[in-house]
Amino acid sequence: MDKSPFMTPDQSRARRARARARRRRRRIAIASVLALAIAIAALIVTMAPARSHNGRAHAATGAAARARRSGASAPTGRLSQDRLPLAAPALALTGIAAPAEQPIQATFSEPPRAGILFNLDTGQVLWSRNAYTRLRIASLTKMMTALLVVKSAPPDTPVLVTREAVDTAGSKVGVLPLGRHVKLESMLYGLLLPSGNDAAVALAQHVAGSVNAFVRRMNIEAARLGLGCTRYSSPSGYYDQGNYSCAADLAVLAHVDLEQPRIATITRTYTAELPFPIEGGRLYLYNNNPLLIYHYPGTTGLKTGQTEAAGRCLVATAERHGVRLGVVLLHSPAPGNQAAYLLDSAFTQVYHQPPVAAPVMPPSA
C-alpha cells in the first residue's frame, strides 16, 4: 500500500514542534550575540581613558609580556622609567633612607651631585648623597652593555665590525678593522678599558641585530634588576638625551656586574695585550679608572664616564681582607680622590682595618 502524500495530525504536530524549537534556538543565539556585543562595547568604553593617556596601558601590557619572556622576577607593582614592570632590586640597599644615621658622614668642599658608598655583598649603605636623584651617566651606561654581552655570547664569538661602529663618535678603541671579525672578548676589553663607543655599537649589533633592539633589551634588563631610576637610549652613553640613572641603581648594577667573572676580570685590569686583526696582530689597551692608574690598594673596578652634561662619573670598587666595597660618584670634580677618601674611611672606621699606604693622586684625579 502506497504512503499518503498528506501528513497525519501527529506528523503535523511534530513538524510544528520542531519549527518552534528552531525559532527558540535562533532567538537564544541572537540574544547571546547581542549580550556579547554590549559587553565588548562596555569594556571598550571603560578602557578608553587608559588608552588615551599616551598609550600607556598598551605599553604596559606589551612590557609585561616582554618582561615575562626575559625571565623577570615578580614585579613590585611599579613601572620602570621605560614603562616596564619593575622587579625587586637585585641587591637590597639598607640604611639608604636615613643619611644622617649612616656611619660615614663625609663632607667635600666641592661635593658630587650624587653618590653612594656601600657594601657590595650586604647592601649596607655607609654614606650617600642624593642617591635617588636621576642624572646623566655617560659611559657608566656600558656597565649594562657589558652585562648583556657576557650573558648572551661566549668569549670566542666573532663580532663583525660594521660601518656604523667605525663611524661612532666619542671615545673609541679606534683601530677596529671595517668588515673584519674581532673576537668578542677583545671587543669587551675595548668596551670597558678605554670605554670604546665603537666597541659598544659593534657588540650591540652582534647581540641583538641592531642598536635599537639592543637598547630595548637594556631597558628590559634594567626593569628585571629593579633599577627604578634607570633608562637607556644607547649602548654607549655618548648621547645623554633619554639616558640616565641614579647612584642607588648604579650600586645595584655594580653588584650584578661583579657577579660575572668575565666582567670582574676585565674591570680590575689596568693594561691588556690582546690578539687583534690589525697590522702587528696585537692591540694594547689601558684602563682609564683613576684608582687603577694611581694604584689604589685593593681596586677591583669598575667604570668611568664623562660627557659635558654628565660631568665626571665613576663607579669604583675595592676589596681588602674579604670586605668588598663600592662607591658611585656622579658629576664629581675629582672622582678618583673622592672615591679613595670614601673607601679609606669605610675600611678604617667601619671595618676597623689598619690604614694602607697608597700613592698620592693629583688633586683633580
Foldseek 3Di string as FASTA:
>chain_A
DDDDPDDDPVVVVVVVVVVVVVVVVVVVVVVVVVVVVVVVVVVCVVCVVVCPPVRLVVVAVVLAVVLVVVVFDDAPPDAAPSSHGARAAPADAPPPVPQVPAQDDDDDPFAFQWKWKAFLPRNYTRHIHPQFDKFQAFQLLLLLLLVLLVVQDDQQDWFAQDPCLQPDDDFALNPADHGGTDGLLVLSLRCFASNHSSSQQRSQCVRQVGFQRSQVVSSSVLRSNRQRFAHDDGSRSNDRVRGIGGNSSSSSSVSVSCVDVSQQVSFQDAKDWAQDPDVVRIRITGHPQVCNVQVPPFWRGDHWGDDPRWATWDWTWGDDPHTIMIMTGTNGQAVNVVRSVVVQCCCCVVVNDDGDDTGDDPPRD
